[in-house]
PDB file of N, CA and C in Angstrom:
ATOM      1  N   MET A   1     -94.795  17.118  22.799  1.00  0.00           N
ATOM      2  CA  MET A   1     -93.516  17.521  22.279  1.00  0.00           C
ATOM      3  C   MET A   1     -92.725  18.305  23.336  1.00  0.00           C
ATOM      4  N   GLU A   2     -93.408  19.195  23.991  1.00  0.00           N
ATOM      5  CA  GLU A   2     -92.736  19.981  25.030  1.00  0.00           C
ATOM      6  C   GLU A   2     -92.300  19.076  26.187  1.00  0.00           C
ATOM      7  N   THR A   3     -93.108  18.056  26.472  1.00  0.00           N
ATOM      8  CA  THR A   3     -92.746  17.114  27.526  1.00  0.00           C
ATOM      9  C   THR A   3     -91.450  16.386  27.189  1.00  0.00           C
ATOM     10  N   SER A   4     -91.321  15.950  25.946  1.00  0.00           N
ATOM     11  CA  SER A   4     -90.102  15.253  25.525  1.00  0.00           C
ATOM     12  C   SER A   4     -88.891  16.165  25.627  1.00  0.00           C
ATOM     13  N   PHE A   5     -89.061  17.409  25.207  1.00  0.00           N
ATOM     14  CA  PHE A   5     -87.963  18.368  25.281  1.00  0.00           C
ATOM     15  C   PHE A   5     -87.532  18.591  26.730  1.00  0.00           C
ATOM     16  N   LEU A   6     -88.509  18.813  27.600  1.00  0.00           N
ATOM     17  CA  LEU A   6     -88.186  19.065  29.001  1.00  0.00           C
ATOM     18  C   LEU A   6     -87.581  17.830  29.673  1.00  0.00           C
ATOM     19  N   THR A   7     -88.034  16.645  29.283  1.00  0.00           N
ATOM     20  CA  THR A   7     -87.453  15.418  29.825  1.00  0.00           C
ATOM     21  C   THR A   7     -85.966  15.339  29.501  1.00  0.00           C
ATOM     22  N   GLU A   8     -85.614  15.646  28.269  1.00  0.00           N
ATOM     23  CA  GLU A   8     -84.207  15.626  27.874  1.00  0.00           C
ATOM     24  C   GLU A   8     -83.406  16.726  28.578  1.00  0.00           C
ATOM     25  N   MET A   9     -84.013  17.871  28.777  1.00  0.00           N
ATOM     26  CA  MET A   9     -83.326  18.952  29.483  1.00  0.00           C
ATOM     27  C   MET A   9     -83.076  18.578  30.952  1.00  0.00           C
ATOM     28  N   LEU A  10     -84.057  17.938  31.579  1.00  0.00           N
ATOM     29  CA  LEU A  10     -83.879  17.501  32.957  1.00  0.00           C
ATOM     30  C   LEU A  10     -82.789  16.427  33.049  1.00  0.00           C
ATOM     31  N   LYS A  11     -82.738  15.558  32.058  1.00  0.00           N
ATOM     32  CA  LYS A  11     -81.689  14.531  32.022  1.00  0.00           C
ATOM     33  C   LYS A  11     -80.317  15.188  31.882  1.00  0.00           C
ATOM     34  N   SER A  12     -80.205  16.157  30.984  1.00  0.00           N
ATOM     35  CA  SER A  12     -78.937  16.858  30.791  1.00  0.00           C
ATOM     36  C   SER A  12     -78.518  17.630  32.042  1.00  0.00           C
ATOM     37  N   ALA A  13     -79.501  18.092  32.794  1.00  0.00           N
ATOM     38  CA  ALA A  13     -79.209  18.831  34.016  1.00  0.00           C
ATOM     39  C   ALA A  13     -78.786  17.911  35.157  1.00  0.00           C
ATOM     40  N   GLY A  14     -78.933  16.610  34.959  1.00  0.00           N
ATOM     41  CA  GLY A  14     -78.492  15.658  35.972  1.00  0.00           C
ATOM     42  C   GLY A  14     -79.569  15.199  36.930  1.00  0.00           C
ATOM     43  N   LEU A  15     -80.823  15.530  36.671  1.00  0.00           N
ATOM     44  CA  LEU A  15     -81.900  15.108  37.554  1.00  0.00           C
ATOM     45  C   LEU A  15     -82.034  13.588  37.491  1.00  0.00           C
ATOM     46  N   GLY A  16     -82.015  12.951  38.631  1.00  0.00           N
ATOM     47  CA  GLY A  16     -82.152  11.511  38.698  1.00  0.00           C
ATOM     48  C   GLY A  16     -80.850  10.749  38.527  1.00  0.00           C
ATOM     49  N   ARG A  17     -79.750  11.458  38.455  1.00  0.00           N
ATOM     50  CA  ARG A  17     -78.446  10.797  38.326  1.00  0.00           C
ATOM     51  C   ARG A  17     -78.133  10.031  39.614  1.00  0.00           C
ATOM     52  N   THR A  18     -77.625   8.824  39.455  1.00  0.00           N
ATOM     53  CA  THR A  18     -77.296   7.990  40.601  1.00  0.00           C
ATOM     54  C   THR A  18     -76.086   8.565  41.332  1.00  0.00           C
ATOM     55  N   PRO A  19     -76.178   8.705  42.645  1.00  0.00           N
ATOM     56  CA  PRO A  19     -75.030   9.193  43.410  1.00  0.00           C
ATOM     57  C   PRO A  19     -73.836   8.243  43.250  1.00  0.00           C
ATOM     58  N   GLU A  20     -72.636   8.799  43.234  1.00  0.00           N
ATOM     59  CA  GLU A  20     -71.446   7.977  43.021  1.00  0.00           C
ATOM     60  C   GLU A  20     -71.100   7.114  44.233  1.00  0.00           C
ATOM     61  N   GLY A  21     -71.300   7.594  45.429  1.00  0.00           N
ATOM     62  CA  GLY A  21     -70.898   6.860  46.614  1.00  0.00           C
ATOM     63  C   GLY A  21     -71.798   5.683  46.928  1.00  0.00           C
ATOM     64  N   PHE A  22     -73.068   5.932  47.060  1.00  0.00           N
ATOM     65  CA  PHE A  22     -74.012   4.877  47.439  1.00  0.00           C
ATOM     66  C   PHE A  22     -75.300   5.129  46.683  1.00  0.00           C
ATOM     67  N   GLY A  23     -75.674   4.198  45.819  1.00  0.00           N
ATOM     68  CA  GLY A  23     -76.886   4.381  45.030  1.00  0.00           C
ATOM     69  C   GLY A  23     -77.680   3.099  44.952  1.00  0.00           C
ATOM     70  N   GLY A  24     -78.758   3.157  44.204  1.00  0.00           N
ATOM     71  CA  GLY A  24     -79.653   2.024  44.081  1.00  0.00           C
ATOM     72  C   GLY A  24     -79.331   1.095  42.937  1.00  0.00           C
ATOM     73  N   GLY A  25     -78.227   1.329  42.259  1.00  0.00           N
ATOM     74  CA  GLY A  25     -77.814   0.437  41.183  1.00  0.00           C
ATOM     75  C   GLY A  25     -78.571   0.671  39.888  1.00  0.00           C
ATOM     76  N   PRO A  26     -78.576  -0.327  39.018  1.00  0.00           N
ATOM     77  CA  PRO A  26     -79.201  -0.166  37.701  1.00  0.00           C
ATOM     78  C   PRO A  26     -80.707   0.096  37.776  1.00  0.00           C
ATOM     79  N   GLY A  27     -81.343  -0.438  38.796  1.00  0.00           N
ATOM     80  CA  GLY A  27     -82.782  -0.197  38.948  1.00  0.00           C
ATOM     81  C   GLY A  27     -83.088   1.274  39.165  1.00  0.00           C
ATOM     82  N   GLU A  28     -82.256   1.924  39.945  1.00  0.00           N
ATOM     83  CA  GLU A  28     -82.451   3.345  40.200  1.00  0.00           C
ATOM     84  C   GLU A  28     -82.275   4.147  38.915  1.00  0.00           C
ATOM     85  N   ASP A  29     -81.287   3.777  38.121  1.00  0.00           N
ATOM     86  CA  ASP A  29     -81.078   4.456  36.833  1.00  0.00           C
ATOM     87  C   ASP A  29     -82.306   4.316  35.940  1.00  0.00           C
ATOM     88  N   HIS A  30     -82.868   3.127  35.916  1.00  0.00           N
ATOM     89  CA  HIS A  30     -84.028   2.879  35.063  1.00  0.00           C
ATOM     90  C   HIS A  30     -85.236   3.705  35.514  1.00  0.00           C
ATOM     91  N   PHE A  31     -85.522   3.702  36.795  1.00  0.00           N
ATOM     92  CA  PHE A  31     -86.695   4.410  37.294  1.00  0.00           C
ATOM     93  C   PHE A  31     -86.503   5.920  37.330  1.00  0.00           C
ATOM     94  N   ALA A  32     -85.274   6.387  37.279  1.00  0.00           N
ATOM     95  CA  ALA A  32     -85.021   7.828  37.227  1.00  0.00           C
ATOM     96  C   ALA A  32     -85.608   8.429  35.960  1.00  0.00           C
ATOM     97  N   SER A  33     -85.633   7.650  34.874  1.00  0.00           N
ATOM     98  CA  SER A  33     -86.218   8.160  33.625  1.00  0.00           C
ATOM     99  C   SER A  33     -87.714   8.412  33.790  1.00  0.00           C
ATOM    100  N   PHE A  34     -88.394   7.558  34.563  1.00  0.00           N
ATOM    101  CA  PHE A  34     -89.817   7.770  34.830  1.00  0.00           C
ATOM    102  C   PHE A  34     -90.033   9.039  35.651  1.00  0.00           C
ATOM    103  N   LEU A  35     -89.152   9.267  36.618  1.00  0.00           N
ATOM    104  CA  LEU A  35     -89.233  10.468  37.448  1.00  0.00           C
ATOM    105  C   LEU A  35     -89.078  11.719  36.590  1.00  0.00           C
ATOM    106  N   ARG A  36     -88.070  11.725  35.713  1.00  0.00           N
ATOM    107  CA  ARG A  36     -87.850  12.888  34.842  1.00  0.00           C
ATOM    108  C   ARG A  36     -89.064  13.146  33.960  1.00  0.00           C
ATOM    109  N   GLU A  37     -89.623  12.085  33.394  1.00  0.00           N
ATOM    110  CA  GLU A  37     -90.769  12.268  32.504  1.00  0.00           C
ATOM    111  C   GLU A  37     -91.984  12.805  33.252  1.00  0.00           C
ATOM    112  N   GLU A  38     -92.242  12.293  34.426  1.00  0.00           N
ATOM    113  CA  GLU A  38     -93.384  12.781  35.205  1.00  0.00           C
ATOM    114  C   GLU A  38     -93.187  14.232  35.646  1.00  0.00           C
ATOM    115  N   GLN A  39     -91.963  14.588  35.995  1.00  0.00           N
ATOM    116  CA  GLN A  39     -91.710  15.974  36.371  1.00  0.00           C
ATOM    117  C   GLN A  39     -91.862  16.892  35.168  1.00  0.00           C
ATOM    118  N   ALA A  40     -91.451  16.440  33.993  1.00  0.00           N
ATOM    119  CA  ALA A  40     -91.639  17.231  32.777  1.00  0.00           C
ATOM    120  C   ALA A  40     -93.129  17.395  32.476  1.00  0.00           C
ATOM    121  N   ARG A  41     -93.903  16.321  32.651  1.00  0.00           N
ATOM    122  CA  ARG A  41     -95.364  16.416  32.429  1.00  0.00           C
ATOM    123  C   ARG A  41     -96.006  17.414  33.391  1.00  0.00           C
ATOM    124  N   ALA A  42     -95.547  17.396  34.635  1.00  0.00           N
ATOM    125  CA  ALA A  42     -96.081  18.340  35.621  1.00  0.00           C
ATOM    126  C   ALA A  42     -95.727  19.772  35.236  1.00  0.00           C
ATOM    127  N   MET A  43     -94.540  19.976  34.718  1.00  0.00           N
ATOM    128  CA  MET A  43     -94.133  21.316  34.285  1.00  0.00           C
ATOM    129  C   MET A  43     -95.009  21.798  33.133  1.00  0.00           C
ATOM    130  N   VAL A  44     -95.284  20.918  32.183  1.00  0.00           N
ATOM    131  CA  VAL A  44     -96.133  21.281  31.041  1.00  0.00           C
ATOM    132  C   VAL A  44     -97.562  21.558  31.511  1.00  0.00           C
ATOM    133  N   ALA A  45     -98.066  20.738  32.422  1.00  0.00           N
ATOM    134  CA  ALA A  45     -99.420  20.939  32.946  1.00  0.00           C
ATOM    135  C   ALA A  45     -99.542  22.264  33.691  1.00  0.00           C
ATOM    136  N   ALA A  46     -98.442  22.724  34.268  1.00  0.00           N
ATOM    137  CA  ALA A  46     -98.444  23.986  35.010  1.00  0.00           C
ATOM    138  C   ALA A  46     -98.199  25.197  34.106  1.00  0.00           C
ATOM    139  N   GLY A  47     -98.132  24.969  32.814  1.00  0.00           N
ATOM    140  CA  GLY A  47     -97.940  26.081  31.893  1.00  0.00           C
ATOM    141  C   GLY A  47     -96.728  25.932  31.005  1.00  0.00           C
ATOM    142  N   GLY A  48     -95.842  25.032  31.361  1.00  0.00           N
ATOM    143  CA  GLY A  48     -94.673  24.766  30.526  1.00  0.00           C
ATOM    144  C   GLY A  48     -93.749  25.960  30.383  1.00  0.00           C
ATOM    145  N   ILE A  49     -92.948  25.909  29.340  1.00  0.00           N
ATOM    146  CA  ILE A  49     -91.995  26.992  29.083  1.00  0.00           C
ATOM    147  C   ILE A  49     -92.367  27.783  27.830  1.00  0.00           C
ATOM    148  N   GLY A  50     -93.508  27.465  27.257  1.00  0.00           N
ATOM    149  CA  GLY A  50     -93.980  28.200  26.087  1.00  0.00           C
ATOM    150  C   GLY A  50     -93.466  27.676  24.759  1.00  0.00           C
ATOM    151  N   LEU A  51     -92.768  26.566  24.780  1.00  0.00           N
ATOM    152  CA  LEU A  51     -92.206  26.021  23.552  1.00  0.00           C
ATOM    153  C   LEU A  51     -93.290  25.616  22.559  1.00  0.00           C
ATOM    154  N   ALA A  52     -94.290  24.915  23.020  1.00  0.00           N
ATOM    155  CA  ALA A  52     -95.361  24.453  22.138  1.00  0.00           C
ATOM    156  C   ALA A  52     -96.074  25.645  21.481  1.00  0.00           C
ATOM    157  N   GLU A  53     -96.383  26.645  22.255  1.00  0.00           N
ATOM    158  CA  GLU A  53     -97.069  27.827  21.723  1.00  0.00           C
ATOM    159  C   GLU A  53     -96.191  28.572  20.722  1.00  0.00           C
ATOM    160  N   THR A  54     -94.918  28.704  21.031  1.00  0.00           N
ATOM    161  CA  THR A  54     -93.989  29.380  20.125  1.00  0.00           C
ATOM    162  C   THR A  54     -93.897  28.647  18.795  1.00  0.00           C
ATOM    163  N   LEU A  55     -93.776  27.331  18.837  1.00  0.00           N
ATOM    164  CA  LEU A  55     -93.729  26.547  17.603  1.00  0.00           C
ATOM    165  C   LEU A  55     -95.031  26.673  16.818  1.00  0.00           C
ATOM    166  N   TYR A  56     -96.154  26.614  17.509  1.00  0.00           N
ATOM    167  CA  TYR A  56     -97.448  26.745  16.849  1.00  0.00           C
ATOM    168  C   TYR A  56     -97.561  28.095  16.145  1.00  0.00           C
ATOM    169  N   GLN A  57     -97.202  29.160  16.850  1.00  0.00           N
ATOM    170  CA  GLN A  57     -97.271  30.496  16.253  1.00  0.00           C
ATOM    171  C   GLN A  57     -96.350  30.610  15.045  1.00  0.00           C
ATOM    172  N   SER A  58     -95.179  30.061  15.135  1.00  0.00           N
ATOM    173  CA  SER A  58     -94.220  30.111  14.039  1.00  0.00           C
ATOM    174  C   SER A  58     -94.745  29.353  12.831  1.00  0.00           C
ATOM    175  N   LEU A  59     -95.319  28.194  13.044  1.00  0.00           N
ATOM    176  CA  LEU A  59     -95.830  27.382  11.934  1.00  0.00           C
ATOM    177  C   LEU A  59     -97.068  28.017  11.297  1.00  0.00           C
ATOM    178  N   THR A  60     -97.933  28.624  12.098  1.00  0.00           N
ATOM    179  CA  THR A  60     -99.121  29.242  11.520  1.00  0.00           C
ATOM    180  C   THR A  60     -98.789  30.497  10.736  1.00  0.00           C
ATOM    181  N   LYS A  61     -97.736  31.215  11.117  1.00  0.00           N
ATOM    182  CA  LYS A  61     -97.316  32.381  10.353  1.00  0.00           C
ATOM    183  C   LYS A  61     -96.842  31.968   8.970  1.00  0.00           C
ATOM    184  N   GLU A  62     -96.100  30.874   8.894  1.00  0.00           N
ATOM    185  CA  GLU A  62     -95.569  30.406   7.627  1.00  0.00           C
ATOM    186  C   GLU A  62     -96.665  29.922   6.681  1.00  0.00           C
ATOM    187  N   THR A  63     -97.715  29.319   7.223  1.00  0.00           N
ATOM    188  CA  THR A  63     -98.764  28.783   6.372  1.00  0.00           C
ATOM    189  C   THR A  63     -99.746  29.852   5.901  1.00  0.00           C
ATOM    190  N   THR A  64     -99.811  30.990   6.607  1.00  0.00           N
ATOM    191  CA  THR A  64    -100.760  32.031   6.217  1.00  0.00           C
ATOM    192  C   THR A  64    -100.155  33.012   5.221  1.00  0.00           C
ATOM    193  N   LYS A  65     -98.870  32.910   4.948  1.00  0.00           N
ATOM    194  CA  LYS A  65     -98.237  33.833   4.000  1.00  0.00           C
ATOM    195  C   LYS A  65     -98.514  33.447   2.581  1.00  0.00           C
TER     196      LYS A  65
END
């Protein structure tokens, strides 16, 4: 879940966007999504941003009440 969130955040930040002047065309656009996803996975493997843990803690508090 955190990987999907970070992938979308990297996309919104413009990571992998094709340069306007000279780029690799539609193929580059397609493979940029793979780059974003792998970078998001690496971020999660390195500890992530704590989103998964925060959601887990929030959900467990609600179920124990």
